Amino acid sequence: MLINVTGRQLEITPAIQTQVENVLGVLDIPALKVSGVNAVLSREKNRFQVSLVLNCKSHTLTAEVEDFDLYRALDAAADKVEAQCQALKEKIQEHRGTVEAEADASAE
């Protein structure tokens, strides 16, 4: 999974880079076939904005969070994208038919 980190009005230090990689490394779910993640970190006066775009095979998941702490904003955005990933994974798995559902349909 390719992780691109961009800073606007903010220098991306090695500590920030490793934190982004650690937080987003959890999102590599094989069922979704994640190709890459774009993380844009920006600073405006006294707040930070984190925007994450996760590119899957046929879906694009996004999350934007503003906070006064960069690391808290990054964690909150990652939590939002992770929740979207779990919902999409469940949707993909529920789409497949089950043996019981096929038996009920044939009985009717």
PDB file of N, CA and C in Angstrom:
ATOM      1  N   MET A   1       0.850  -1.166   0.000  1.00  0.00           N
ATOM      2  CA  MET A   1       0.000   0.000   0.000  1.00  0.00           C
ATOM      3  C   MET A   1       0.896   1.230   0.000  1.00  0.00           C
ATOM      4  N   LEU A   2       0.615   2.127  -0.910  1.00  0.00           N
ATOM      5  CA  LEU A   2       1.378   3.358  -1.058  1.00  0.00           C
ATOM      6  C   LEU A   2       0.755   4.453  -0.205  1.00  0.00           C
ATOM      7  N   ILE A   3       1.559   5.099   0.627  1.00  0.00           N
ATOM      8  CA  ILE A   3       1.074   6.179   1.484  1.00  0.00           C
ATOM      9  C   ILE A   3       1.786   7.461   1.082  1.00  0.00           C
ATOM     10  N   ASN A   4       1.022   8.441   0.600  1.00  0.00           N
ATOM     11  CA  ASN A   4       1.554   9.759   0.241  1.00  0.00           C
ATOM     12  C   ASN A   4       1.177  10.748   1.332  1.00  0.00           C
ATOM     13  N   VAL A   5       2.166  11.448   1.869  1.00  0.00           N
ATOM     14  CA  VAL A   5       1.919  12.441   2.912  1.00  0.00           C
ATOM     15  C   VAL A   5       2.329  13.798   2.371  1.00  0.00           C
ATOM     16  N   THR A   6       1.388  14.746   2.420  1.00  0.00           N
ATOM     17  CA  THR A   6       1.637  16.094   1.926  1.00  0.00           C
ATOM     18  C   THR A   6       1.376  17.075   3.052  1.00  0.00           C
ATOM     19  N   GLY A   7       2.237  18.069   3.175  1.00  0.00           N
ATOM     20  CA  GLY A   7       2.061  19.091   4.194  1.00  0.00           C
ATOM     21  C   GLY A   7       1.823  20.451   3.564  1.00  0.00           C
ATOM     22  N   ARG A   8       0.800  21.133   4.026  1.00  0.00           N
ATOM     23  CA  ARG A   8       0.508  22.490   3.576  1.00  0.00           C
ATOM     24  C   ARG A   8       0.727  23.416   4.760  1.00  0.00           C
ATOM     25  N   GLN A   9       1.626  24.352   4.583  1.00  0.00           N
ATOM     26  CA  GLN A   9       2.025  25.262   5.647  1.00  0.00           C
ATOM     27  C   GLN A   9       2.561  24.490   6.850  1.00  0.00           C
ATOM     28  N   LEU A  10       3.143  23.324   6.573  1.00  0.00           N
ATOM     29  CA  LEU A  10       3.607  22.432   7.621  1.00  0.00           C
ATOM     30  C   LEU A  10       4.733  21.574   7.067  1.00  0.00           C
ATOM     31  N   GLU A  11       5.810  21.475   7.817  1.00  0.00           N
ATOM     32  CA  GLU A  11       6.919  20.627   7.397  1.00  0.00           C
ATOM     33  C   GLU A  11       6.675  19.206   7.907  1.00  0.00           C
ATOM     34  N   ILE A  12       6.798  18.227   7.029  1.00  0.00           N
ATOM     35  CA  ILE A  12       6.605  16.836   7.399  1.00  0.00           C
ATOM     36  C   ILE A  12       7.925  16.307   7.963  1.00  0.00           C
ATOM     37  N   THR A  13       7.956  16.138   9.270  1.00  0.00           N
ATOM     38  CA  THR A  13       9.144  15.627   9.933  1.00  0.00           C
ATOM     39  C   THR A  13       9.123  14.102   9.910  1.00  0.00           C
ATOM     40  N   PRO A  14      10.257  13.479  10.174  1.00  0.00           N
ATOM     41  CA  PRO A  14      10.265  11.999  10.227  1.00  0.00           C
ATOM     42  C   PRO A  14       9.311  11.440  11.287  1.00  0.00           C
ATOM     43  N   ALA A  15       9.120  12.148  12.386  1.00  0.00           N
ATOM     44  CA  ALA A  15       8.198  11.685  13.427  1.00  0.00           C
ATOM     45  C   ALA A  15       6.755  11.689  12.917  1.00  0.00           C
ATOM     46  N   ILE A  16       6.383  12.743  12.213  1.00  0.00           N
ATOM     47  CA  ILE A  16       5.036  12.820  11.647  1.00  0.00           C
ATOM     48  C   ILE A  16       4.861  11.740  10.591  1.00  0.00           C
ATOM     49  N   GLN A  17       5.877  11.536   9.766  1.00  0.00           N
ATOM     50  CA  GLN A  17       5.815  10.518   8.706  1.00  0.00           C
ATOM     51  C   GLN A  17       5.609   9.119   9.295  1.00  0.00           C
ATOM     52  N   THR A  18       6.364   8.782  10.339  1.00  0.00           N
ATOM     53  CA  THR A  18       6.216   7.462  10.948  1.00  0.00           C
ATOM     54  C   THR A  18       4.868   7.314  11.645  1.00  0.00           C
ATOM     55  N   GLN A  19       4.374   8.392  12.257  1.00  0.00           N
ATOM     56  CA  GLN A  19       3.058   8.330  12.906  1.00  0.00           C
ATOM     57  C   GLN A  19       1.958   8.078  11.876  1.00  0.00           C
ATOM     58  N   VAL A  20       2.037   8.754  10.730  1.00  0.00           N
ATOM     59  CA  VAL A  20       1.052   8.555   9.669  1.00  0.00           C
ATOM     60  C   VAL A  20       1.123   7.118   9.157  1.00  0.00           C
ATOM     61  N   GLU A  21       2.312   6.601   8.940  1.00  0.00           N
ATOM     62  CA  GLU A  21       2.464   5.231   8.455  1.00  0.00           C
ATOM     63  C   GLU A  21       1.960   4.211   9.473  1.00  0.00           C
ATOM     64  N   ASN A  22       2.195   4.450  10.763  1.00  0.00           N
ATOM     65  CA  ASN A  22       1.722   3.533  11.795  1.00  0.00           C
ATOM     66  C   ASN A  22       0.198   3.532  11.888  1.00  0.00           C
ATOM     67  N   VAL A  23      -0.393   4.718  11.829  1.00  0.00           N
ATOM     68  CA  VAL A  23      -1.839   4.827  11.956  1.00  0.00           C
ATOM     69  C   VAL A  23      -2.540   4.250  10.726  1.00  0.00           C
ATOM     70  N   LEU A  24      -2.008   4.503   9.544  1.00  0.00           N
ATOM     71  CA  LEU A  24      -2.654   4.061   8.316  1.00  0.00           C
ATOM     72  C   LEU A  24      -2.257   2.650   7.899  1.00  0.00           C
ATOM     73  N   GLY A  25      -1.235   2.094   8.513  1.00  0.00           N
ATOM     74  CA  GLY A  25      -0.831   0.731   8.200  1.00  0.00           C
ATOM     75  C   GLY A  25      -1.873  -0.299   8.590  1.00  0.00           C
ATOM     76  N   VAL A  26      -2.714   0.044   9.549  1.00  0.00           N
ATOM     77  CA  VAL A  26      -3.783  -0.854  10.006  1.00  0.00           C
ATOM     78  C   VAL A  26      -4.864  -0.995   8.939  1.00  0.00           C
ATOM     79  N   LEU A  27      -4.988  -0.017   8.059  1.00  0.00           N
ATOM     80  CA  LEU A  27      -6.078   0.007   7.088  1.00  0.00           C
ATOM     81  C   LEU A  27      -5.839  -0.873   5.866  1.00  0.00           C
ATOM     82  N   ASP A  28      -4.767  -1.626   5.831  1.00  0.00           N
ATOM     83  CA  ASP A  28      -4.487  -2.489   4.690  1.00  0.00           C
ATOM     84  C   ASP A  28      -5.308  -3.767   4.813  1.00  0.00           C
ATOM     85  N   ILE A  29      -6.564  -3.702   4.341  1.00  0.00           N
ATOM     86  CA  ILE A  29      -7.492  -4.828   4.429  1.00  0.00           C
ATOM     87  C   ILE A  29      -7.501  -5.538   3.088  1.00  0.00           C
ATOM     88  N   PRO A  30      -7.136  -6.829   3.048  1.00  0.00           N
ATOM     89  CA  PRO A  30      -7.052  -7.540   1.764  1.00  0.00           C
ATOM     90  C   PRO A  30      -8.368  -7.602   0.996  1.00  0.00           C
ATOM     91  N   ALA A  31      -9.500  -7.655   1.694  1.00  0.00           N
ATOM     92  CA  ALA A  31     -10.793  -7.756   1.006  1.00  0.00           C
ATOM     93  C   ALA A  31     -11.113  -6.502   0.204  1.00  0.00           C
ATOM     94  N   LEU A  32     -10.592  -5.350   0.629  1.00  0.00           N
ATOM     95  CA  LEU A  32     -10.898  -4.089  -0.061  1.00  0.00           C
ATOM     96  C   LEU A  32      -9.907  -3.760  -1.171  1.00  0.00           C
ATOM     97  N   LYS A  33      -8.761  -4.423  -1.190  1.00  0.00           N
ATOM     98  CA  LYS A  33      -7.733  -4.198  -2.200  1.00  0.00           C
ATOM     99  C   LYS A  33      -7.341  -2.712  -2.263  1.00  0.00           C
ATOM    100  N   VAL A  34      -6.799  -2.223  -1.157  1.00  0.00           N
ATOM    101  CA  VAL A  34      -6.396  -0.824  -1.043  1.00  0.00           C
ATOM    102  C   VAL A  34      -5.150  -0.600  -1.880  1.00  0.00           C
ATOM    103  N   SER A  35      -5.210   0.368  -2.795  1.00  0.00           N
ATOM    104  CA  SER A  35      -4.059   0.652  -3.641  1.00  0.00           C
ATOM    105  C   SER A  35      -3.187   1.764  -3.077  1.00  0.00           C
ATOM    106  N   GLY A  36      -3.787   2.731  -2.399  1.00  0.00           N
ATOM    107  CA  GLY A  36      -2.992   3.810  -1.857  1.00  0.00           C
ATOM    108  C   GLY A  36      -3.789   4.728  -0.965  1.00  0.00           C
ATOM    109  N   VAL A  37      -3.051   5.516  -0.170  1.00  0.00           N
ATOM    110  CA  VAL A  37      -3.664   6.476   0.730  1.00  0.00           C
ATOM    111  C   VAL A  37      -2.968   7.815   0.535  1.00  0.00           C
ATOM    112  N   ASN A  38      -3.763   8.867   0.400  1.00  0.00           N
ATOM    113  CA  ASN A  38      -3.231  10.221   0.334  1.00  0.00           C
ATOM    114  C   ASN A  38      -3.601  10.936   1.621  1.00  0.00           C
ATOM    115  N   ALA A  39      -2.607  11.426   2.334  1.00  0.00           N
ATOM    116  CA  ALA A  39      -2.831  12.159   3.576  1.00  0.00           C
ATOM    117  C   ALA A  39      -2.339  13.594   3.373  1.00  0.00           C
ATOM    118  N   VAL A  40      -3.234  14.544   3.573  1.00  0.00           N
ATOM    119  CA  VAL A  40      -2.883  15.959   3.449  1.00  0.00           C
ATOM    120  C   VAL A  40      -3.023  16.579   4.827  1.00  0.00           C
ATOM    121  N   LEU A  41      -1.915  17.077   5.353  1.00  0.00           N
ATOM    122  CA  LEU A  41      -1.883  17.714   6.662  1.00  0.00           C
ATOM    123  C   LEU A  41      -1.664  19.201   6.446  1.00  0.00           C
ATOM    124  N   SER A  42      -2.566  20.020   6.969  1.00  0.00           N
ATOM    125  CA  SER A  42      -2.412  21.462   6.786  1.00  0.00           C
ATOM    126  C   SER A  42      -2.564  22.174   8.122  1.00  0.00           C
ATOM    127  N   ARG A  43      -1.933  23.330   8.201  1.00  0.00           N
ATOM    128  CA  ARG A  43      -1.969  24.143   9.418  1.00  0.00           C
ATOM    129  C   ARG A  43      -2.539  25.496   9.071  1.00  0.00           C
ATOM    130  N   GLU A  44      -3.515  25.940   9.841  1.00  0.00           N
ATOM    131  CA  GLU A  44      -4.107  27.254   9.671  1.00  0.00           C
ATOM    132  C   GLU A  44      -4.136  27.935  11.029  1.00  0.00           C
ATOM    133  N   LYS A  45      -3.379  28.980  11.178  1.00  0.00           N
ATOM    134  CA  LYS A  45      -3.247  29.719  12.426  1.00  0.00           C
ATOM    135  C   LYS A  45      -3.020  28.787  13.610  1.00  0.00           C
ATOM    136  N   ASN A  46      -4.071  28.460  14.375  1.00  0.00           N
ATOM    137  CA  ASN A  46      -3.861  27.649  15.572  1.00  0.00           C
ATOM    138  C   ASN A  46      -4.571  26.304  15.509  1.00  0.00           C
ATOM    139  N   ARG A  47      -4.911  25.822  14.312  1.00  0.00           N
ATOM    140  CA  ARG A  47      -5.557  24.521  14.188  1.00  0.00           C
ATOM    141  C   ARG A  47      -4.942  23.737  13.040  1.00  0.00           C
ATOM    142  N   PHE A  48      -5.125  22.434  13.108  1.00  0.00           N
ATOM    143  CA  PHE A  48      -4.619  21.533  12.076  1.00  0.00           C
ATOM    144  C   PHE A  48      -5.794  20.849  11.393  1.00  0.00           C
ATOM    145  N   GLN A  49      -5.647  20.613  10.113  1.00  0.00           N
ATOM    146  CA  GLN A  49      -6.666  19.904   9.356  1.00  0.00           C
ATOM    147  C   GLN A  49      -6.008  18.703   8.694  1.00  0.00           C
ATOM    148  N   VAL A  50      -6.626  17.533   8.868  1.00  0.00           N
ATOM    149  CA  VAL A  50      -6.128  16.298   8.280  1.00  0.00           C
ATOM    150  C   VAL A  50      -7.185  15.780   7.317  1.00  0.00           C
ATOM    151  N   SER A  51      -6.762  15.519   6.094  1.00  0.00           N
ATOM    152  CA  SER A  51      -7.653  14.980   5.075  1.00  0.00           C
ATOM    153  C   SER A  51      -7.046  13.678   4.567  1.00  0.00           C
ATOM    154  N   LEU A  52      -7.820  12.599   4.658  1.00  0.00           N
ATOM    155  CA  LEU A  52      -7.369  11.289   4.199  1.00  0.00           C
ATOM    156  C   LEU A  52      -8.244  10.825   3.050  1.00  0.00           C
ATOM    157  N   VAL A  53      -7.613  10.321   2.004  1.00  0.00           N
ATOM    158  CA  VAL A  53      -8.318   9.742   0.863  1.00  0.00           C
ATOM    159  C   VAL A  53      -7.741   8.354   0.653  1.00  0.00           C
ATOM    160  N   LEU A  54      -8.599   7.352   0.806  1.00  0.00           N
ATOM    161  CA  LEU A  54      -8.192   5.960   0.683  1.00  0.00           C
ATOM    162  C   LEU A  54      -8.744   5.421  -0.636  1.00  0.00           C
ATOM    163  N   ASN A  55      -7.867   4.993  -1.515  1.00  0.00           N
ATOM    164  CA  ASN A  55      -8.264   4.483  -2.826  1.00  0.00           C
ATOM    165  C   ASN A  55      -8.292   2.970  -2.804  1.00  0.00           C
ATOM    166  N   CYS A  56      -9.493   2.417  -2.990  1.00  0.00           N
ATOM    167  CA  CYS A  56      -9.682   0.970  -3.088  1.00  0.00           C
ATOM    168  C   CYS A  56      -9.887   0.615  -4.550  1.00  0.00           C
ATOM    169  N   LYS A  57     -10.145  -0.662  -4.809  1.00  0.00           N
ATOM    170  CA  LYS A  57     -10.313  -1.118  -6.179  1.00  0.00           C
ATOM    171  C   LYS A  57     -11.465  -0.408  -6.875  1.00  0.00           C
ATOM    172  N   SER A  58     -12.615  -0.341  -6.229  1.00  0.00           N
ATOM    173  CA  SER A  58     -13.765   0.296  -6.865  1.00  0.00           C
ATOM    174  C   SER A  58     -14.427   1.350  -5.989  1.00  0.00           C
ATOM    175  N   HIS A  59     -13.769   1.759  -4.910  1.00  0.00           N
ATOM    176  CA  HIS A  59     -14.334   2.741  -3.992  1.00  0.00           C
ATOM    177  C   HIS A  59     -13.264   3.749  -3.583  1.00  0.00           C
ATOM    178  N   THR A  60     -13.727   4.919  -3.186  1.00  0.00           N
ATOM    179  CA  THR A  60     -12.853   5.941  -2.626  1.00  0.00           C
ATOM    180  C   THR A  60     -13.448   6.390  -1.305  1.00  0.00           C
ATOM    181  N   LEU A  61     -12.692   6.260  -0.235  1.00  0.00           N
ATOM    182  CA  LEU A  61     -13.152   6.638   1.094  1.00  0.00           C
ATOM    183  C   LEU A  61     -12.413   7.891   1.540  1.00  0.00           C
ATOM    184  N   THR A  62     -13.144   8.856   2.093  1.00  0.00           N
ATOM    185  CA  THR A  62     -12.525  10.108   2.505  1.00  0.00           C
ATOM    186  C   THR A  62     -12.909  10.452   3.936  1.00  0.00           C
ATOM    187  N   ALA A  63     -12.041  11.217   4.588  1.00  0.00           N
ATOM    188  CA  ALA A  63     -12.315  11.725   5.929  1.00  0.00           C
ATOM    189  C   ALA A  63     -11.540  13.014   6.126  1.00  0.00           C
ATOM    190  N   GLU A  64     -12.195  14.002   6.742  1.00  0.00           N
ATOM    191  CA  GLU A  64     -11.547  15.270   7.064  1.00  0.00           C
ATOM    192  C   GLU A  64     -11.848  15.618   8.513  1.00  0.00           C
ATOM    193  N   VAL A  65     -10.802  16.022   9.234  1.00  0.00           N
ATOM    194  CA  VAL A  65     -10.943  16.368  10.647  1.00  0.00           C
ATOM    195  C   VAL A  65     -10.116  17.612  10.931  1.00  0.00           C
ATOM    196  N   GLU A  66     -10.671  18.514  11.730  1.00  0.00           N
ATOM    197  CA  GLU A  66      -9.938  19.679  12.218  1.00  0.00           C
ATOM    198  C   GLU A  66      -9.813  19.573  13.728  1.00  0.00           C
ATOM    199  N   ASP A  67      -8.630  19.919  14.240  1.00  0.00           N
ATOM    200  CA  ASP A  67      -8.396  19.869  15.679  1.00  0.00           C
ATOM    201  C   ASP A  67      -7.213  20.784  16.001  1.00  0.00           C
ATOM    202  N   PHE A  68      -7.046  21.057  17.288  1.00  0.00           N
ATOM    203  CA  PHE A  68      -5.932  21.893  17.715  1.00  0.00           C
ATOM    204  C   PHE A  68      -4.646  21.095  17.881  1.00  0.00           C
ATOM    205  N   ASP A  69      -4.748  19.770  17.903  1.00  0.00           N
ATOM    206  CA  ASP A  69      -3.592  18.885  18.017  1.00  0.00           C
ATOM    207  C   ASP A  69      -3.495  18.038  16.753  1.00  0.00           C
ATOM    208  N   LEU A  70      -2.345  18.035  16.124  1.00  0.00           N
ATOM    209  CA  LEU A  70      -2.156  17.318  14.868  1.00  0.00           C
ATOM    210  C   LEU A  70      -2.349  15.815  15.028  1.00  0.00           C
ATOM    211  N   TYR A  71      -1.792  15.247  16.079  1.00  0.00           N
ATOM    212  CA  TYR A  71      -1.859  13.802  16.272  1.00  0.00           C
ATOM    213  C   TYR A  71      -3.286  13.339  16.603  1.00  0.00           C
ATOM    214  N   ARG A  72      -4.017  14.152  17.369  1.00  0.00           N
ATOM    215  CA  ARG A  72      -5.415  13.811  17.650  1.00  0.00           C
ATOM    216  C   ARG A  72      -6.254  13.875  16.381  1.00  0.00           C
ATOM    217  N   ALA A  73      -5.994  14.874  15.538  1.00  0.00           N
ATOM    218  CA  ALA A  73      -6.721  14.993  14.276  1.00  0.00           C
ATOM    219  C   ALA A  73      -6.412  13.809  13.369  1.00  0.00           C
ATOM    220  N   LEU A  74      -5.164  13.391  13.334  1.00  0.00           N
ATOM    221  CA  LEU A  74      -4.770  12.240  12.522  1.00  0.00           C
ATOM    222  C   LEU A  74      -5.452  10.963  13.009  1.00  0.00           C
ATOM    223  N   ASP A  75      -5.484  10.756  14.316  1.00  0.00           N
ATOM    224  CA  ASP A  75      -6.135   9.572  14.876  1.00  0.00           C
ATOM    225  C   ASP A  75      -7.636   9.582  14.601  1.00  0.00           C
ATOM    226  N   ALA A  76      -8.267  10.742  14.725  1.00  0.00           N
ATOM    227  CA  ALA A  76      -9.712  10.834  14.486  1.00  0.00           C
ATOM    228  C   ALA A  76     -10.038  10.563  13.015  1.00  0.00           C
ATOM    229  N   ALA A  77      -9.233  11.093  12.102  1.00  0.00           N
ATOM    230  CA  ALA A  77      -9.463  10.851  10.673  1.00  0.00           C
ATOM    231  C   ALA A  77      -9.248   9.379  10.343  1.00  0.00           C
ATOM    232  N   ALA A  78      -8.239   8.771  10.936  1.00  0.00           N
ATOM    233  CA  ALA A  78      -7.995   7.339  10.709  1.00  0.00           C
ATOM    234  C   ALA A  78      -9.149   6.503  11.258  1.00  0.00           C
ATOM    235  N   ASP A  79      -9.712   6.906  12.397  1.00  0.00           N
ATOM    236  CA  ASP A  79     -10.861   6.181  12.949  1.00  0.00           C
ATOM    237  C   ASP A  79     -12.061   6.282  12.017  1.00  0.00           C
ATOM    238  N   LYS A  80     -12.283   7.461  11.434  1.00  0.00           N
ATOM    239  CA  LYS A  80     -13.392   7.628  10.499  1.00  0.00           C
ATOM    240  C   LYS A  80     -13.223   6.737   9.269  1.00  0.00           C
ATOM    241  N   VAL A  81     -12.024   6.725   8.711  1.00  0.00           N
ATOM    242  CA  VAL A  81     -11.779   5.906   7.526  1.00  0.00           C
ATOM    243  C   VAL A  81     -11.863   4.421   7.881  1.00  0.00           C
ATOM    244  N   GLU A  82     -11.395   4.052   9.063  1.00  0.00           N
ATOM    245  CA  GLU A  82     -11.468   2.651   9.482  1.00  0.00           C
ATOM    246  C   GLU A  82     -12.919   2.196   9.631  1.00  0.00           C
ATOM    247  N   ALA A  83     -13.769   3.065  10.170  1.00  0.00           N
ATOM    248  CA  ALA A  83     -15.189   2.730  10.288  1.00  0.00           C
ATOM    249  C   ALA A  83     -15.820   2.560   8.908  1.00  0.00           C
ATOM    250  N   GLN A  84     -15.434   3.417   7.971  1.00  0.00           N
ATOM    251  CA  GLN A  84     -15.941   3.291   6.606  1.00  0.00           C
ATOM    252  C   GLN A  84     -15.455   1.995   5.966  1.00  0.00           C
ATOM    253  N   CYS A  85     -14.212   1.620   6.230  1.00  0.00           N
ATOM    254  CA  CYS A  85     -13.661   0.369   5.696  1.00  0.00           C
ATOM    255  C   CYS A  85     -14.415  -0.833   6.241  1.00  0.00           C
ATOM    256  N   GLN A  86     -14.694  -0.832   7.543  1.00  0.00           N
ATOM    257  CA  GLN A  86     -15.416  -1.950   8.140  1.00  0.00           C
ATOM    258  C   GLN A  86     -16.830  -2.056   7.581  1.00  0.00           C
ATOM    259  N   ALA A  87     -17.496  -0.913   7.396  1.00  0.00           N
ATOM    260  CA  ALA A  87     -18.849  -0.931   6.832  1.00  0.00           C
ATOM    261  C   ALA A  87     -18.833  -1.454   5.400  1.00  0.00           C
ATOM    262  N   LEU A  88     -17.843  -1.038   4.620  1.00  0.00           N
ATOM    263  CA  LEU A  88     -17.737  -1.495   3.242  1.00  0.00           C
ATOM    264  C   LEU A  88     -17.411  -2.986   3.184  1.00  0.00           C
ATOM    265  N   LYS A  89     -16.542  -3.435   4.081  1.00  0.00           N
ATOM    266  CA  LYS A  89     -16.186  -4.861   4.131  1.00  0.00           C
ATOM    267  C   LYS A  89     -17.404  -5.705   4.471  1.00  0.00           C
ATOM    268  N   GLU A  90     -18.198  -5.262   5.441  1.00  0.00           N
ATOM    269  CA  GLU A  90     -19.416  -5.988   5.803  1.00  0.00           C
ATOM    270  C   GLU A  90     -20.425  -5.978   4.657  1.00  0.00           C
ATOM    271  N   LYS A  91     -20.502  -4.868   3.962  1.00  0.00           N
ATOM    272  CA  LYS A  91     -21.427  -4.772   2.833  1.00  0.00           C
ATOM    273  C   LYS A  91     -21.030  -5.750   1.728  1.00  0.00           C
ATOM    274  N   ILE A  92     -19.742  -5.863   1.475  1.00  0.00           N
ATOM    275  CA  ILE A  92     -19.258  -6.793   0.458  1.00  0.00           C
ATOM    276  C   ILE A  92     -19.540  -8.230   0.887  1.00  0.00           C
ATOM    277  N   GLN A  93     -19.308  -8.547   2.159  1.00  0.00           N
ATOM    278  CA  GLN A  93     -19.519  -9.909   2.639  1.00  0.00           C
ATOM    279  C   GLN A  93     -21.002 -10.263   2.696  1.00  0.00           C
ATOM    280  N   GLU A  94     -21.883  -9.313   3.045  1.00  0.00           N
ATOM    281  CA  GLU A  94     -23.308  -9.580   3.123  1.00  0.00           C
ATOM    282  C   GLU A  94     -23.931  -9.720   1.744  1.00  0.00           C
ATOM    283  N   HIS A  95     -23.275  -9.218   0.741  1.00  0.00           N
ATOM    284  CA  HIS A  95     -23.805  -9.295  -0.611  1.00  0.00           C
ATOM    285  C   HIS A  95     -23.819 -10.725  -1.139  1.00  0.00           C
ATOM    286  N   ARG A  96     -22.915 -11.523  -0.634  1.00  0.00           N
ATOM    287  CA  ARG A  96     -22.847 -12.917  -1.059  1.00  0.00           C
ATOM    288  C   ARG A  96     -24.015 -13.696  -0.446  1.00  0.00           C
ATOM    289  N   GLY A  97     -24.568 -14.619  -1.188  1.00  0.00           N
ATOM    290  CA  GLY A  97     -25.687 -15.420  -0.705  1.00  0.00           C
ATOM    291  C   GLY A  97     -25.230 -16.469   0.286  1.00  0.00           C
ATOM    292  N   THR A  98     -26.124 -16.854   1.175  1.00  0.00           N
ATOM    293  CA  THR A  98     -25.830 -17.910   2.132  1.00  0.00           C
ATOM    294  C   THR A  98     -26.612 -19.158   1.747  1.00  0.00           C
ATOM    295  N   VAL A  99     -26.224 -20.276   2.301  1.00  0.00           N
ATOM    296  CA  VAL A  99     -26.872 -21.549   2.001  1.00  0.00           C
ATOM    297  C   VAL A  99     -28.311 -21.527   2.517  1.00  0.00           C
ATOM    298  N   GLU A 100     -28.540 -20.963   3.704  1.00  0.00           N
ATOM    299  CA  GLU A 100     -29.881 -20.904   4.280  1.00  0.00           C
ATOM    300  C   GLU A 100     -30.809 -20.040   3.429  1.00  0.00           C
ATOM    301  N   ALA A 101     -30.321 -18.919   2.938  1.00  0.00           N
ATOM    302  CA  ALA A 101     -31.141 -18.038   2.120  1.00  0.00           C
ATOM    303  C   ALA A 101     -31.514 -18.712   0.797  1.00  0.00           C
ATOM    304  N   GLU A 102     -30.584 -19.457   0.225  1.00  0.00           N
ATOM    305  CA  GLU A 102     -30.884 -20.168  -1.020  1.00  0.00           C
ATOM    306  C   GLU A 102     -31.895 -21.293  -0.774  1.00  0.00           C
ATOM    307  N   ALA A 103     -31.803 -21.971   0.367  1.00  0.00           N
ATOM    308  CA  ALA A 103     -32.745 -23.042   0.696  1.00  0.00           C
ATOM    309  C   ALA A 103     -34.144 -22.484   0.916  1.00  0.00           C
ATOM    310  N   ASP A 104     -34.253 -21.335   1.570  1.00  0.00           N
ATOM    311  CA  ASP A 104     -35.543 -20.700   1.794  1.00  0.00           C
ATOM    312  C   ASP A 104     -36.175 -20.248   0.473  1.00  0.00           C
ATOM    313  N   ALA A 105     -35.347 -19.724  -0.432  1.00  0.00           N
ATOM    314  CA  ALA A 105     -35.857 -19.249  -1.710  1.00  0.00           C
ATOM    315  C   ALA A 105     -36.355 -20.422  -2.561  1.00  0.00           C
ATOM    316  N   SER A 106     -35.674 -21.552  -2.494  1.00  0.00           N
ATOM    317  CA  SER A 106     -36.087 -22.694  -3.304  1.00  0.00           C
ATOM    318  C   SER A 106     -37.325 -23.388  -2.713  1.00  0.00           C
ATOM    319  N   ALA A 107     -37.517 -23.300  -1.383  1.00  0.00           N
ATOM    320  CA  ALA A 107     -38.664 -23.911  -0.727  1.00  0.00           C
ATOM    321  C   ALA A 107     -39.964 -23.170  -1.071  1.00  0.00           C
ATOM    322  N   GLU A 108     -39.858 -21.868  -1.301  1.00  0.00           N
ATOM    323  CA  GLU A 108     -41.043 -21.080  -1.612  1.00  0.00           C
ATOM    324  C   GLU A 108     -41.445 -21.336  -3.027  1.00  0.00           C
TER     325      GLU A 108
END
